[in-house]
Amino acid sequence: MGWTGGLYLLATGAVTLWGIPATGFARDSGTGKLLSAAGSVLSGAGFAVLLLHSDLLFATIAALGLGVAGALELACGVRNRGRHPLARDWITSGIISLGTAAALPFFIGLGAHALLGVAGGGAIISGVLWVLSGLTLRHDSRSAAAKP
């Protein structure tokens, strides 16, 4: 559980940090700083979970990491609502992360499979959201480019 959950959190944090330039924000802007903090928190939580293997520690560290990152994403979405095409997706992704973080502690007693199921469920929902977001942005950009 520590390896798979840790790699998931670490990879999610790394992808968040890697994708900041694609959002159009510099790392030194307000939104860029929030997204950088979210990616750093997730990466740190992933690294900690890789090293510490127990149900209680996984649930606690993953919940804290996902909760803080979700709150930061939610703040980015609210701050940029109406000004950035990803704002709605940041809001939704932040709510999903906060929900996953809130649910994790309730499944500690059920063991590793339940904890990974909750974390994986949040990951699948977020993944579908971001794939649909990417396809929508691509479609919208093609439609805008086709107009004279």
C-alpha atoms as a PDB file:
ATOM      1  CA  MET A   1       0.000   0.000   0.000  1.00  0.00           C
ATOM      2  CA  GLY A   2       2.825   2.400   0.836  1.00  0.00           C
ATOM      3  CA  TRP A   3       4.458   1.900  -2.528  1.00  0.00           C
ATOM      4  CA  THR A   4       1.382   2.244  -4.713  1.00  0.00           C
ATOM      5  CA  GLY A   5      -0.195   5.056  -2.713  1.00  0.00           C
ATOM      6  CA  GLY A   6       3.116   6.861  -2.384  1.00  0.00           C
ATOM      7  CA  LEU A   7       3.854   6.599  -6.096  1.00  0.00           C
ATOM      8  CA  TYR A   8       0.348   7.869  -6.895  1.00  0.00           C
ATOM      9  CA  LEU A   9       0.742  10.934  -4.661  1.00  0.00           C
ATOM     10  CA  LEU A  10       4.306  11.554  -5.824  1.00  0.00           C
ATOM     11  CA  ALA A  11       3.343  11.295  -9.505  1.00  0.00           C
ATOM     12  CA  THR A  12       0.301  13.532  -9.039  1.00  0.00           C
ATOM     13  CA  GLY A  13       2.433  16.169  -7.345  1.00  0.00           C
ATOM     14  CA  ALA A  14       5.106  15.958 -10.032  1.00  0.00           C
ATOM     15  CA  VAL A  15       2.555  16.274 -12.841  1.00  0.00           C
ATOM     16  CA  THR A  16       0.987  19.267 -11.079  1.00  0.00           C
ATOM     17  CA  LEU A  17       4.374  20.975 -10.866  1.00  0.00           C
ATOM     18  CA  TRP A  18       5.234  20.044 -14.450  1.00  0.00           C
ATOM     19  CA  GLY A  19       1.919  21.338 -15.833  1.00  0.00           C
ATOM     20  CA  ILE A  20       2.030  24.830 -14.307  1.00  0.00           C
ATOM     21  CA  PRO A  21       3.571  26.501 -17.403  1.00  0.00           C
ATOM     22  CA  ALA A  22       0.765  25.015 -19.541  1.00  0.00           C
ATOM     23  CA  THR A  23      -1.807  26.905 -17.464  1.00  0.00           C
ATOM     24  CA  GLY A  24      -0.347  30.233 -18.585  1.00  0.00           C
ATOM     25  CA  PHE A  25       0.736  31.225 -15.089  1.00  0.00           C
ATOM     26  CA  ALA A  26       4.328  31.720 -14.052  1.00  0.00           C
ATOM     27  CA  ARG A  27       5.505  30.030 -10.882  1.00  0.00           C
ATOM     28  CA  ASP A  28       5.996  33.452  -9.311  1.00  0.00           C
ATOM     29  CA  SER A  29       2.408  34.614  -9.911  1.00  0.00           C
ATOM     30  CA  GLY A  30      -0.189  34.196  -7.169  1.00  0.00           C
ATOM     31  CA  THR A  31      -1.939  31.298  -8.879  1.00  0.00           C
ATOM     32  CA  GLY A  32       1.364  29.750  -9.915  1.00  0.00           C
ATOM     33  CA  LYS A  33       2.508  29.829  -6.292  1.00  0.00           C
ATOM     34  CA  LEU A  34      -0.693  28.123  -5.118  1.00  0.00           C
ATOM     35  CA  LEU A  35      -0.375  25.404  -7.752  1.00  0.00           C
ATOM     36  CA  SER A  36       3.323  24.977  -6.936  1.00  0.00           C
ATOM     37  CA  ALA A  37       2.438  24.593  -3.269  1.00  0.00           C
ATOM     38  CA  ALA A  38      -0.244  22.015  -4.124  1.00  0.00           C
ATOM     39  CA  GLY A  39       2.202  19.989  -6.213  1.00  0.00           C
ATOM     40  CA  SER A  40       4.879  20.219  -3.546  1.00  0.00           C
ATOM     41  CA  VAL A  41       2.505  19.097  -0.801  1.00  0.00           C
ATOM     42  CA  LEU A  42       1.384  16.096  -2.840  1.00  0.00           C
ATOM     43  CA  SER A  43       4.975  15.178  -3.718  1.00  0.00           C
ATOM     44  CA  GLY A  44       6.020  15.438  -0.072  1.00  0.00           C
ATOM     45  CA  ALA A  45       3.081  13.340   1.071  1.00  0.00           C
ATOM     46  CA  GLY A  46       3.907  10.752  -1.581  1.00  0.00           C
ATOM     47  CA  PHE A  47       7.531  10.577  -0.503  1.00  0.00           C
ATOM     48  CA  ALA A  48       6.512  10.212   3.155  1.00  0.00           C
ATOM     49  CA  VAL A  49       4.029   7.444   2.344  1.00  0.00           C
ATOM     50  CA  LEU A  50       6.734   5.637   0.349  1.00  0.00           C
ATOM     51  CA  LEU A  51       8.898   5.521   3.467  1.00  0.00           C
ATOM     52  CA  LEU A  52       6.266   4.831   6.135  1.00  0.00           C
ATOM     53  CA  HIS A  53       4.165   1.696   5.750  1.00  0.00           C
ATOM     54  CA  SER A  54       1.104   1.489   7.962  1.00  0.00           C
ATOM     55  CA  ASP A  55      -2.631   1.913   7.447  1.00  0.00           C
ATOM     56  CA  LEU A  56      -2.895   4.727   9.972  1.00  0.00           C
ATOM     57  CA  LEU A  57       0.071   6.643   8.570  1.00  0.00           C
ATOM     58  CA  PHE A  58      -1.102   6.198   4.981  1.00  0.00           C
ATOM     59  CA  ALA A  59      -4.585   7.477   5.775  1.00  0.00           C
ATOM     60  CA  THR A  60      -3.310  10.394   7.823  1.00  0.00           C
ATOM     61  CA  ILE A  61      -0.556  11.567   5.483  1.00  0.00           C
ATOM     62  CA  ALA A  62      -2.572  11.006   2.298  1.00  0.00           C
ATOM     63  CA  ALA A  63      -5.601  12.776   3.786  1.00  0.00           C
ATOM     64  CA  LEU A  64      -3.475  15.746   4.846  1.00  0.00           C
ATOM     65  CA  GLY A  65      -1.730  15.918   1.470  1.00  0.00           C
ATOM     66  CA  LEU A  66      -4.908  15.593  -0.559  1.00  0.00           C
ATOM     67  CA  GLY A  67      -6.767  17.984   1.737  1.00  0.00           C
ATOM     68  CA  VAL A  68      -4.183  20.757   1.536  1.00  0.00           C
ATOM     69  CA  ALA A  69      -3.705  20.304  -2.218  1.00  0.00           C
ATOM     70  CA  GLY A  70      -7.475  20.239  -2.735  1.00  0.00           C
ATOM     71  CA  ALA A  71      -7.918  23.436  -0.731  1.00  0.00           C
ATOM     72  CA  LEU A  72      -5.185  25.131  -2.783  1.00  0.00           C
ATOM     73  CA  GLU A  73      -6.764  24.003  -6.065  1.00  0.00           C
ATOM     74  CA  LEU A  74     -10.138  25.204  -4.867  1.00  0.00           C
ATOM     75  CA  ALA A  75      -8.588  28.582  -4.012  1.00  0.00           C
ATOM     76  CA  CYS A  76      -7.060  28.789  -7.512  1.00  0.00           C
ATOM     77  CA  GLY A  77     -10.414  28.022  -9.078  1.00  0.00           C
ATOM     78  CA  VAL A  78     -12.324  30.546  -6.999  1.00  0.00           C
ATOM     79  CA  ARG A  79      -9.679  33.228  -7.529  1.00  0.00           C
ATOM     80  CA  ASN A  80      -9.691  32.763 -11.326  1.00  0.00           C
ATOM     81  CA  ARG A  81     -13.385  32.059 -11.883  1.00  0.00           C
ATOM     82  CA  GLY A  82     -14.484  33.781 -15.081  1.00  0.00           C
ATOM     83  CA  ARG A  83     -10.900  34.682 -16.024  1.00  0.00           C
ATOM     84  CA  HIS A  84      -9.325  31.309 -16.824  1.00  0.00           C
ATOM     85  CA  PRO A  85     -10.811  28.326 -18.686  1.00  0.00           C
ATOM     86  CA  LEU A  86      -9.475  25.872 -16.088  1.00  0.00           C
ATOM     87  CA  ALA A  87     -11.054  27.632 -13.090  1.00  0.00           C
ATOM     88  CA  ARG A  88     -14.173  25.414 -13.056  1.00  0.00           C
ATOM     89  CA  ASP A  89     -12.005  22.314 -13.303  1.00  0.00           C
ATOM     90  CA  TRP A  90      -9.794  23.473 -10.433  1.00  0.00           C
ATOM     91  CA  ILE A  91     -12.895  23.993  -8.311  1.00  0.00           C
ATOM     92  CA  THR A  92     -14.220  20.536  -9.123  1.00  0.00           C
ATOM     93  CA  SER A  93     -10.839  18.873  -8.678  1.00  0.00           C
ATOM     94  CA  GLY A  94     -10.355  20.637  -5.352  1.00  0.00           C
ATOM     95  CA  ILE A  95     -13.740  19.409  -4.122  1.00  0.00           C
ATOM     96  CA  ILE A  96     -12.919  15.847  -5.218  1.00  0.00           C
ATOM     97  CA  SER A  97      -9.575  15.970  -3.397  1.00  0.00           C
ATOM     98  CA  LEU A  98     -11.183  17.389  -0.259  1.00  0.00           C
ATOM     99  CA  GLY A  99     -13.859  14.674  -0.389  1.00  0.00           C
ATOM    100  CA  THR A 100     -11.264  11.946  -0.775  1.00  0.00           C
ATOM    101  CA  ALA A 101      -9.253  13.411   2.096  1.00  0.00           C
ATOM    102  CA  ALA A 102     -12.349  13.541   4.302  1.00  0.00           C
ATOM    103  CA  ALA A 103     -13.290   9.935   3.505  1.00  0.00           C
ATOM    104  CA  LEU A 104      -9.873   8.302   4.036  1.00  0.00           C
ATOM    105  CA  PRO A 105      -9.836   8.335   7.869  1.00  0.00           C
ATOM    106  CA  PHE A 106     -13.145   6.464   8.024  1.00  0.00           C
ATOM    107  CA  PHE A 107     -11.634   3.454   6.217  1.00  0.00           C
ATOM    108  CA  ILE A 108      -8.515   2.921   8.365  1.00  0.00           C
ATOM    109  CA  GLY A 109     -10.044  -0.045  10.174  1.00  0.00           C
ATOM    110  CA  LEU A 110     -10.912  -1.799   6.918  1.00  0.00           C
ATOM    111  CA  GLY A 111      -7.301  -2.102   5.827  1.00  0.00           C
ATOM    112  CA  ALA A 112      -5.103  -1.385   2.883  1.00  0.00           C
ATOM    113  CA  HIS A 113      -7.514  -2.467   0.145  1.00  0.00           C
ATOM    114  CA  ALA A 114     -10.213  -0.106   1.370  1.00  0.00           C
ATOM    115  CA  LEU A 115      -7.777   2.811   1.719  1.00  0.00           C
ATOM    116  CA  LEU A 116      -6.386   2.262  -1.761  1.00  0.00           C
ATOM    117  CA  GLY A 117      -9.935   1.917  -3.071  1.00  0.00           C
ATOM    118  CA  VAL A 118     -10.941   5.291  -1.675  1.00  0.00           C
ATOM    119  CA  ALA A 119      -7.775   6.977  -2.925  1.00  0.00           C
ATOM    120  CA  GLY A 120      -8.098   5.219  -6.279  1.00  0.00           C
ATOM    121  CA  GLY A 121     -11.737   6.205  -6.606  1.00  0.00           C
ATOM    122  CA  GLY A 122     -10.811   9.853  -6.142  1.00  0.00           C
ATOM    123  CA  ALA A 123      -7.978   9.420  -8.645  1.00  0.00           C
ATOM    124  CA  ILE A 124     -10.283   7.894 -11.254  1.00  0.00           C
ATOM    125  CA  ILE A 125     -12.884  10.637 -10.845  1.00  0.00           C
ATOM    126  CA  SER A 126     -10.191  13.336 -11.074  1.00  0.00           C
ATOM    127  CA  GLY A 127      -8.600  11.612 -14.065  1.00  0.00           C
ATOM    128  CA  VAL A 128     -11.878  11.494 -15.971  1.00  0.00           C
ATOM    129  CA  LEU A 129     -12.465  15.157 -15.122  1.00  0.00           C
ATOM    130  CA  TRP A 130      -9.068  16.213 -16.453  1.00  0.00           C
ATOM    131  CA  VAL A 131      -9.359  14.110 -19.626  1.00  0.00           C
ATOM    132  CA  LEU A 132     -12.751  15.667 -20.386  1.00  0.00           C
ATOM    133  CA  SER A 133     -11.328  19.097 -19.592  1.00  0.00           C
ATOM    134  CA  GLY A 134      -8.445  18.574 -21.989  1.00  0.00           C
ATOM    135  CA  LEU A 135     -10.736  17.351 -24.750  1.00  0.00           C
ATOM    136  CA  THR A 136     -13.078  20.289 -24.206  1.00  0.00           C
ATOM    137  CA  LEU A 137     -10.237  22.801 -24.374  1.00  0.00           C
ATOM    138  CA  ARG A 138      -8.940  21.164 -27.525  1.00  0.00           C
ATOM    139  CA  HIS A 139     -12.378  21.215 -29.140  1.00  0.00           C
ATOM    140  CA  ASP A 140     -12.993  24.830 -28.130  1.00  0.00           C
ATOM    141  CA  SER A 141      -9.614  25.928 -29.484  1.00  0.00           C
ATOM    142  CA  ARG A 142     -10.312  24.261 -32.837  1.00  0.00           C
ATOM    143  CA  SER A 143     -13.749  25.882 -33.027  1.00  0.00           C
ATOM    144  CA  ALA A 144     -12.259  29.295 -32.236  1.00  0.00           C
ATOM    145  CA  ALA A 145      -9.506  28.831 -34.833  1.00  0.00           C
ATOM    146  CA  ALA A 146     -12.030  27.845 -37.535  1.00  0.00           C
ATOM    147  CA  LYS A 147     -14.067  31.059 -37.131  1.00  0.00           C
ATOM    148  CA  PRO A 148     -13.023  33.836 -39.545  1.00  0.00           C
END
